[in-house]
């Protein structure tokens, strides 16, 4: 059973994925490293976005991003100090 034998392919073709029929033995660590990199970039983007977000009109209702944006954190810190 299966699909038959593997077909011949040109050996001079280069592939960034490793070519045809590869099963790298370290795929789990490669996946973990890629996932960690994606998380780090997402966290950095989140922080920059939260620091730069600014609302010129006060919202009439609670907006989830108000919990972590710099504008509203500063207001909460000043209110707690008073």
PDB file of N, CA and C in Angstrom:
ATOM      1  N   UNK A   1       0.834  -1.181   0.000  1.00  0.00           N
ATOM      2  CA  UNK A   1       0.000   0.000   0.000  1.00  0.00           C
ATOM      3  C   UNK A   1       0.876   1.240   0.000  1.00  0.00           C
ATOM      4  N   UNK A   2       0.283   2.352  -0.193  1.00  0.00           N
ATOM      5  CA  UNK A   2       1.027   3.601  -0.290  1.00  0.00           C
ATOM      6  C   UNK A   2       0.686   4.243  -1.605  1.00  0.00           C
ATOM      7  N   UNK A   3       1.552   4.877  -2.192  1.00  0.00           N
ATOM      8  CA  UNK A   3       1.288   5.515  -3.474  1.00  0.00           C
ATOM      9  C   UNK A   3       2.305   5.090  -4.500  1.00  0.00           C
ATOM     10  N   UNK A   4       3.031   4.065  -4.191  1.00  0.00           N
ATOM     11  CA  UNK A   4       4.091   3.646  -5.095  1.00  0.00           C
ATOM     12  C   UNK A   4       5.415   4.199  -4.610  1.00  0.00           C
ATOM     13  N   UNK A   5       6.417   4.012  -5.397  1.00  0.00           N
ATOM     14  CA  UNK A   5       7.739   4.487  -4.997  1.00  0.00           C
ATOM     15  C   UNK A   5       7.861   5.979  -5.275  1.00  0.00           C
ATOM     16  N   UNK A   6       8.860   6.564  -4.721  1.00  0.00           N
ATOM     17  CA  UNK A   6       9.090   7.997  -4.930  1.00  0.00           C
ATOM     18  C   UNK A   6       9.582   8.226  -6.344  1.00  0.00           C
ATOM     19  N   UNK A   7       9.128   9.296  -6.937  1.00  0.00           N
ATOM     20  CA  UNK A   7       9.498   9.588  -8.312  1.00  0.00           C
ATOM     21  C   UNK A   7      10.840  10.304  -8.344  1.00  0.00           C
ATOM     22  N   UNK A   8      11.570  10.217  -9.420  1.00  0.00           N
ATOM     23  CA  UNK A   8      12.854  10.914  -9.511  1.00  0.00           C
ATOM     24  C   UNK A   8      12.637  12.418  -9.637  1.00  0.00           C
ATOM     25  N   UNK A   9      13.551  13.169  -9.088  1.00  0.00           N
ATOM     26  CA  UNK A   9      13.463  14.625  -9.148  1.00  0.00           C
ATOM     27  C   UNK A   9      14.837  15.183  -9.471  1.00  0.00           C
ATOM     28  N   UNK A  10      14.886  16.403  -9.988  1.00  0.00           N
ATOM     29  CA  UNK A  10      16.190  16.979 -10.354  1.00  0.00           C
ATOM     30  C   UNK A  10      17.014  17.312  -9.109  1.00  0.00           C
ATOM     31  N   UNK A  11      18.207  16.813  -9.037  1.00  0.00           N
ATOM     32  CA  UNK A  11      19.074  17.007  -7.866  1.00  0.00           C
ATOM     33  C   UNK A  11      19.642  18.424  -7.782  1.00  0.00           C
ATOM     34  N   UNK A  12      19.661  19.167  -8.898  1.00  0.00           N
ATOM     35  CA  UNK A  12      20.249  20.497  -8.881  1.00  0.00           C
ATOM     36  C   UNK A  12      19.277  21.562  -8.394  1.00  0.00           C
ATOM     37  N   UNK A  13      18.034  21.195  -8.142  1.00  0.00           N
ATOM     38  CA  UNK A  13      17.046  22.160  -7.673  1.00  0.00           C
ATOM     39  C   UNK A  13      17.247  22.358  -6.171  1.00  0.00           C
ATOM     40  N   UNK A  14      17.379  23.643  -5.774  1.00  0.00           N
ATOM     41  CA  UNK A  14      17.563  23.949  -4.364  1.00  0.00           C
ATOM     42  C   UNK A  14      16.230  24.378  -3.773  1.00  0.00           C
ATOM     43  N   UNK A  15      15.941  23.937  -2.559  1.00  0.00           N
ATOM     44  CA  UNK A  15      14.697  24.310  -1.905  1.00  0.00           C
ATOM     45  C   UNK A  15      15.010  24.756  -0.477  1.00  0.00           C
ATOM     46  N   UNK A  16      14.447  25.895  -0.046  1.00  0.00           N
ATOM     47  CA  UNK A  16      14.707  26.332   1.328  1.00  0.00           C
ATOM     48  C   UNK A  16      14.112  25.377   2.353  1.00  0.00           C
ATOM     49  N   UNK A  17      13.150  24.561   1.965  1.00  0.00           N
ATOM     50  CA  UNK A  17      12.547  23.616   2.888  1.00  0.00           C
ATOM     51  C   UNK A  17      13.340  22.324   2.984  1.00  0.00           C
ATOM     52  N   UNK A  18      14.388  22.195   2.209  1.00  0.00           N
ATOM     53  CA  UNK A  18      15.218  20.998   2.310  1.00  0.00           C
ATOM     54  C   UNK A  18      15.016  20.042   1.154  1.00  0.00           C
ATOM     55  N   UNK A  19      14.228  20.405   0.201  1.00  0.00           N
ATOM     56  CA  UNK A  19      14.040  19.530  -0.952  1.00  0.00           C
ATOM     57  C   UNK A  19      12.799  18.673  -0.815  1.00  0.00           C
ATOM     58  N   UNK A  20      12.787  17.624  -1.587  1.00  0.00           N
ATOM     59  CA  UNK A  20      11.646  16.709  -1.571  1.00  0.00           C
ATOM     60  C   UNK A  20      11.805  15.705  -0.446  1.00  0.00           C
ATOM     61  N   UNK A  21      10.716  15.280   0.134  1.00  0.00           N
ATOM     62  CA  UNK A  21      10.611  14.190   1.107  1.00  0.00           C
ATOM     63  C   UNK A  21      11.514  14.377   2.318  1.00  0.00           C
ATOM     64  N   UNK A  22      11.604  15.539   2.833  1.00  0.00           N
ATOM     65  CA  UNK A  22      12.449  15.694   4.011  1.00  0.00           C
ATOM     66  C   UNK A  22      11.612  15.525   5.268  1.00  0.00           C
ATOM     67  N   UNK A  23      12.184  14.989   6.248  1.00  0.00           N
ATOM     68  CA  UNK A  23      11.587  14.855   7.574  1.00  0.00           C
ATOM     69  C   UNK A  23      12.698  15.159   8.571  1.00  0.00           C
ATOM     70  N   UNK A  24      12.975  16.452   8.798  1.00  0.00           N
ATOM     71  CA  UNK A  24      14.095  16.763   9.690  1.00  0.00           C
ATOM     72  C   UNK A  24      13.859  16.195  11.089  1.00  0.00           C
ATOM     73  N   UNK A  25      14.918  15.666  11.666  1.00  0.00           N
ATOM     74  CA  UNK A  25      14.800  15.041  12.981  1.00  0.00           C
ATOM     75  C   UNK A  25      14.566  16.079  14.073  1.00  0.00           C
ATOM     76  N   UNK A  26      14.926  17.330  13.839  1.00  0.00           N
ATOM     77  CA  UNK A  26      14.774  18.368  14.856  1.00  0.00           C
ATOM     78  C   UNK A  26      13.588  19.283  14.562  1.00  0.00           C
ATOM     79  N   UNK A  27      12.534  18.760  13.970  1.00  0.00           N
ATOM     80  CA  UNK A  27      11.397  19.602  13.603  1.00  0.00           C
ATOM     81  C   UNK A  27      10.724  20.193  14.831  1.00  0.00           C
ATOM     82  N   UNK A  28      10.737  19.479  15.946  1.00  0.00           N
ATOM     83  CA  UNK A  28      10.083  19.998  17.154  1.00  0.00           C
ATOM     84  C   UNK A  28      10.823  21.226  17.688  1.00  0.00           C
ATOM     85  N   UNK A  29      12.143  21.158  17.728  1.00  0.00           N
ATOM     86  CA  UNK A  29      12.896  22.322  18.222  1.00  0.00           C
ATOM     87  C   UNK A  29      12.815  23.472  17.227  1.00  0.00           C
ATOM     88  N   UNK A  30      12.812  23.179  15.927  1.00  0.00           N
ATOM     89  CA  UNK A  30      12.655  24.244  14.929  1.00  0.00           C
ATOM     90  C   UNK A  30      11.312  24.943  15.103  1.00  0.00           C
ATOM     91  N   UNK A  31      10.258  24.169  15.340  1.00  0.00           N
ATOM     92  CA  UNK A  31       8.929  24.736  15.539  1.00  0.00           C
ATOM     93  C   UNK A  31       8.890  25.579  16.804  1.00  0.00           C
ATOM     94  N   UNK A  32       9.511  25.105  17.881  1.00  0.00           N
ATOM     95  CA  UNK A  32       9.533  25.850  19.141  1.00  0.00           C
ATOM     96  C   UNK A  32      10.292  27.167  18.983  1.00  0.00           C
ATOM     97  N   UNK A  33      11.397  27.152  18.273  1.00  0.00           N
ATOM     98  CA  UNK A  33      12.177  28.368  18.056  1.00  0.00           C
ATOM     99  C   UNK A  33      11.386  29.370  17.227  1.00  0.00           C
ATOM    100  N   UNK A  34      10.728  28.887  16.175  1.00  0.00           N
ATOM    101  CA  UNK A  34       9.918  29.777  15.336  1.00  0.00           C
ATOM    102  C   UNK A  34       8.757  30.359  16.140  1.00  0.00           C
ATOM    103  N   UNK A  35       8.124  29.545  16.960  1.00  0.00           N
ATOM    104  CA  UNK A  35       7.007  30.011  17.784  1.00  0.00           C
ATOM    105  C   UNK A  35       7.473  31.054  18.792  1.00  0.00           C
ATOM    106  N   UNK A  36       8.638  30.833  19.402  1.00  0.00           N
ATOM    107  CA  UNK A  36       9.186  31.806  20.355  1.00  0.00           C
ATOM    108  C   UNK A  36       9.500  33.124  19.650  1.00  0.00           C
ATOM    109  N   UNK A  37      10.026  33.050  18.434  1.00  0.00           N
ATOM    110  CA  UNK A  37      10.305  34.267  17.669  1.00  0.00           C
ATOM    111  C   UNK A  37       9.030  35.035  17.343  1.00  0.00           C
ATOM    112  N   UNK A  38       7.991  34.315  16.953  1.00  0.00           N
ATOM    113  CA  UNK A  38       6.708  34.954  16.653  1.00  0.00           C
ATOM    114  C   UNK A  38       6.147  35.617  17.906  1.00  0.00           C
ATOM    115  N   UNK A  39       6.234  34.945  19.048  1.00  0.00           N
ATOM    116  CA  UNK A  39       5.753  35.522  20.304  1.00  0.00           C
ATOM    117  C   UNK A  39       6.537  36.783  20.678  1.00  0.00           C
ATOM    118  N   UNK A  40       7.832  36.759  20.501  1.00  0.00           N
ATOM    119  CA  UNK A  40       8.658  37.927  20.841  1.00  0.00           C
ATOM    120  C   UNK A  40       8.303  39.127  19.959  1.00  0.00           C
ATOM    121  N   UNK A  41       8.119  38.890  18.672  1.00  0.00           N
ATOM    122  CA  UNK A  41       7.759  39.980  17.759  1.00  0.00           C
ATOM    123  C   UNK A  41       6.370  40.508  18.086  1.00  0.00           C
ATOM    124  N   UNK A  42       5.442  39.606  18.401  1.00  0.00           N
ATOM    125  CA  UNK A  42       4.080  40.017  18.757  1.00  0.00           C
ATOM    126  C   UNK A  42       4.093  40.852  20.037  1.00  0.00           C
ATOM    127  N   UNK A  43       4.863  40.441  21.040  1.00  0.00           N
ATOM    128  CA  UNK A  43       4.945  41.184  22.302  1.00  0.00           C
ATOM    129  C   UNK A  43       5.526  42.579  22.079  1.00  0.00           C
ATOM    130  N   UNK A  44       6.586  42.663  21.278  1.00  0.00           N
ATOM    131  CA  UNK A  44       7.211  43.961  21.006  1.00  0.00           C
ATOM    132  C   UNK A  44       6.236  44.882  20.265  1.00  0.00           C
ATOM    133  N   UNK A  45       5.518  44.337  19.299  1.00  0.00           N
ATOM    134  CA  UNK A  45       4.537  45.131  18.560  1.00  0.00           C
ATOM    135  C   UNK A  45       3.420  45.593  19.479  1.00  0.00           C
ATOM    136  N   UNK A  46       2.988  44.728  20.367  1.00  0.00           N
ATOM    137  CA  UNK A  46       1.927  45.050  21.334  1.00  0.00           C
ATOM    138  C   UNK A  46       2.369  46.216  22.223  1.00  0.00           C
ATOM    139  N   UNK A  47       3.599  46.181  22.706  1.00  0.00           N
ATOM    140  CA  UNK A  47       4.109  47.226  23.583  1.00  0.00           C
ATOM    141  C   UNK A  47       4.202  48.569  22.859  1.00  0.00           C
ATOM    142  N   UNK A  48       4.714  48.559  21.642  1.00  0.00           N
ATOM    143  CA  UNK A  48       4.819  49.799  20.873  1.00  0.00           C
ATOM    144  C   UNK A  48       3.427  50.363  20.611  1.00  0.00           C
ATOM    145  N   UNK A  49       2.489  49.496  20.256  1.00  0.00           N
ATOM    146  CA  UNK A  49       1.128  49.934  19.977  1.00  0.00           C
ATOM    147  C   UNK A  49       0.479  50.531  21.224  1.00  0.00           C
ATOM    148  N   UNK A  50       0.664  49.888  22.367  1.00  0.00           N
ATOM    149  CA  UNK A  50       0.065  50.381  23.606  1.00  0.00           C
ATOM    150  C   UNK A  50       0.666  51.722  24.022  1.00  0.00           C
ATOM    151  N   UNK A  51       1.943  51.937  23.772  1.00  0.00           N
ATOM    152  CA  UNK A  51       2.580  53.206  24.123  1.00  0.00           C
ATOM    153  C   UNK A  51       2.160  54.342  23.197  1.00  0.00           C
ATOM    154  N   UNK A  52       1.839  54.027  21.961  1.00  0.00           N
ATOM    155  CA  UNK A  52       1.507  55.070  20.990  1.00  0.00           C
ATOM    156  C   UNK A  52       0.013  55.336  20.875  1.00  0.00           C
ATOM    157  N   UNK A  53      -0.828  54.465  21.420  1.00  0.00           N
ATOM    158  CA  UNK A  53      -2.268  54.672  21.300  1.00  0.00           C
ATOM    159  C   UNK A  53      -2.693  55.881  22.128  1.00  0.00           C
ATOM    160  N   UNK A  54      -3.469  56.752  21.542  1.00  0.00           N
ATOM    161  CA  UNK A  54      -3.930  57.948  22.222  1.00  0.00           C
ATOM    162  C   UNK A  54      -5.333  58.271  21.740  1.00  0.00           C
ATOM    163  N   UNK A  55      -6.232  58.510  22.667  1.00  0.00           N
ATOM    164  CA  UNK A  55      -7.609  58.858  22.322  1.00  0.00           C
ATOM    165  C   UNK A  55      -7.831  60.325  22.674  1.00  0.00           C
ATOM    166  N   UNK A  56      -8.279  61.099  21.694  1.00  0.00           N
ATOM    167  CA  UNK A  56      -8.486  62.525  21.908  1.00  0.00           C
ATOM    168  C   UNK A  56      -9.841  62.820  22.528  1.00  0.00           C
ATOM    169  N   UNK A  57     -10.814  61.923  22.350  1.00  0.00           N
ATOM    170  CA  UNK A  57     -12.101  62.054  23.010  1.00  0.00           C
ATOM    171  C   UNK A  57     -12.230  60.920  24.013  1.00  0.00           C
ATOM    172  N   UNK A  58     -12.677  61.255  25.192  1.00  0.00           N
ATOM    173  CA  UNK A  58     -12.856  60.246  26.230  1.00  0.00           C
ATOM    174  C   UNK A  58     -13.965  59.274  25.802  1.00  0.00           C
ATOM    175  N   UNK A  59     -13.706  57.981  25.823  1.00  0.00           N
ATOM    176  CA  UNK A  59     -14.740  57.021  25.439  1.00  0.00           C
ATOM    177  C   UNK A  59     -15.916  57.058  26.418  1.00  0.00           C
ATOM    178  N   UNK A  60     -17.108  56.795  25.900  1.00  0.00           N
ATOM    179  CA  UNK A  60     -18.295  56.796  26.754  1.00  0.00           C
ATOM    180  C   UNK A  60     -18.499  55.460  27.438  1.00  0.00           C
ATOM    181  N   UNK A  61     -17.800  54.437  26.975  1.00  0.00           N
ATOM    182  CA  UNK A  61     -17.898  53.115  27.591  1.00  0.00           C
ATOM    183  C   UNK A  61     -16.490  52.529  27.713  1.00  0.00           C
ATOM    184  N   UNK A  62     -16.395  51.452  28.451  1.00  0.00           N
ATOM    185  CA  UNK A  62     -15.097  50.816  28.661  1.00  0.00           C
ATOM    186  C   UNK A  62     -14.626  50.154  27.366  1.00  0.00           C
ATOM    187  N   UNK A  63     -13.381  50.398  27.018  1.00  0.00           N
ATOM    188  CA  UNK A  63     -12.761  49.782  25.854  1.00  0.00           C
ATOM    189  C   UNK A  63     -11.614  48.925  26.387  1.00  0.00           C
ATOM    190  N   UNK A  64     -11.529  47.658  25.960  1.00  0.00           N
ATOM    191  CA  UNK A  64     -10.496  46.773  26.516  1.00  0.00           C
ATOM    192  C   UNK A  64      -9.076  47.332  26.457  1.00  0.00           C
ATOM    193  N   UNK A  65      -8.729  48.049  25.402  1.00  0.00           N
ATOM    194  CA  UNK A  65      -7.353  48.549  25.295  1.00  0.00           C
ATOM    195  C   UNK A  65      -7.051  49.623  26.333  1.00  0.00           C
ATOM    196  N   UNK A  66      -8.080  50.149  27.003  1.00  0.00           N
ATOM    197  CA  UNK A  66      -7.835  51.147  28.045  1.00  0.00           C
ATOM    198  C   UNK A  66      -7.096  50.543  29.236  1.00  0.00           C
ATOM    199  N   UNK A  67      -7.121  49.240  29.364  1.00  0.00           N
ATOM    200  CA  UNK A  67      -6.449  48.578  30.487  1.00  0.00           C
ATOM    201  C   UNK A  67      -4.936  48.610  30.360  1.00  0.00           C
ATOM    202  N   UNK A  68      -4.422  48.703  29.122  1.00  0.00           N
ATOM    203  CA  UNK A  68      -2.970  48.621  28.962  1.00  0.00           C
ATOM    204  C   UNK A  68      -2.349  49.786  28.199  1.00  0.00           C
ATOM    205  N   UNK A  69      -3.138  50.740  27.752  1.00  0.00           N
ATOM    206  CA  UNK A  69      -2.531  51.875  27.042  1.00  0.00           C
ATOM    207  C   UNK A  69      -1.898  52.852  28.031  1.00  0.00           C
ATOM    208  N   UNK A  70      -0.891  53.526  27.572  1.00  0.00           N
ATOM    209  CA  UNK A  70      -0.122  54.437  28.410  1.00  0.00           C
ATOM    210  C   UNK A  70      -0.978  55.600  28.914  1.00  0.00           C
ATOM    211  N   UNK A  71      -1.860  56.112  28.068  1.00  0.00           N
ATOM    212  CA  UNK A  71      -2.695  57.258  28.423  1.00  0.00           C
ATOM    213  C   UNK A  71      -3.536  56.968  29.666  1.00  0.00           C
ATOM    214  N   UNK A  72      -4.137  55.818  29.734  1.00  0.00           N
ATOM    215  CA  UNK A  72      -5.031  55.507  30.853  1.00  0.00           C
ATOM    216  C   UNK A  72      -4.283  54.916  32.044  1.00  0.00           C
ATOM    217  N   UNK A  73      -3.141  54.272  31.802  1.00  0.00           N
ATOM    218  CA  UNK A  73      -2.316  53.815  32.923  1.00  0.00           C
ATOM    219  C   UNK A  73      -1.808  54.998  33.721  1.00  0.00           C
ATOM    220  N   UNK A  74      -1.395  56.054  33.032  1.00  0.00           N
ATOM    221  CA  UNK A  74      -0.902  57.252  33.711  1.00  0.00           C
ATOM    222  C   UNK A  74      -2.003  57.894  34.548  1.00  0.00           C
ATOM    223  N   UNK A  75      -3.227  57.932  34.033  1.00  0.00           N
ATOM    224  CA  UNK A  75      -4.345  58.498  34.784  1.00  0.00           C
ATOM    225  C   UNK A  75      -4.632  57.664  36.023  1.00  0.00           C
ATOM    226  N   UNK A  76      -4.563  56.346  35.909  1.00  0.00           N
ATOM    227  CA  UNK A  76      -4.826  55.474  37.050  1.00  0.00           C
ATOM    228  C   UNK A  76      -3.727  55.634  38.101  1.00  0.00           C
ATOM    229  N   UNK A  77      -2.478  55.763  37.644  1.00  0.00           N
ATOM    230  CA  UNK A  77      -1.367  55.936  38.588  1.00  0.00           C
ATOM    231  C   UNK A  77      -1.505  57.251  39.354  1.00  0.00           C
ATOM    232  N   UNK A  78      -1.896  58.324  38.652  1.00  0.00           N
ATOM    233  CA  UNK A  78      -2.069  59.633  39.316  1.00  0.00           C
ATOM    234  C   UNK A  78      -3.239  59.587  40.288  1.00  0.00           C
ATOM    235  N   UNK A  79      -4.309  58.886  39.921  1.00  0.00           N
ATOM    236  CA  UNK A  79      -5.462  58.789  40.810  1.00  0.00           C
ATOM    237  C   UNK A  79      -5.107  57.968  42.057  1.00  0.00           C
ATOM    238  N   UNK A  80      -4.273  56.948  41.898  1.00  0.00           N
ATOM    239  CA  UNK A  80      -3.892  56.121  43.039  1.00  0.00           C
ATOM    240  C   UNK A  80      -2.952  56.880  43.977  1.00  0.00           C
ATOM    241  N   UNK A  81      -2.138  57.778  43.412  1.00  0.00           N
ATOM    242  CA  UNK A  81      -1.221  58.566  44.240  1.00  0.00           C
ATOM    243  C   UNK A  81      -1.952  59.626  45.068  1.00  0.00           C
ATOM    244  N   UNK A  82      -3.097  60.085  44.591  1.00  0.00           N
ATOM    245  CA  UNK A  82      -3.825  61.163  45.286  1.00  0.00           C
ATOM    246  C   UNK A  82      -4.503  60.682  46.526  1.00  0.00           C
TER     247      UNK A  82
END
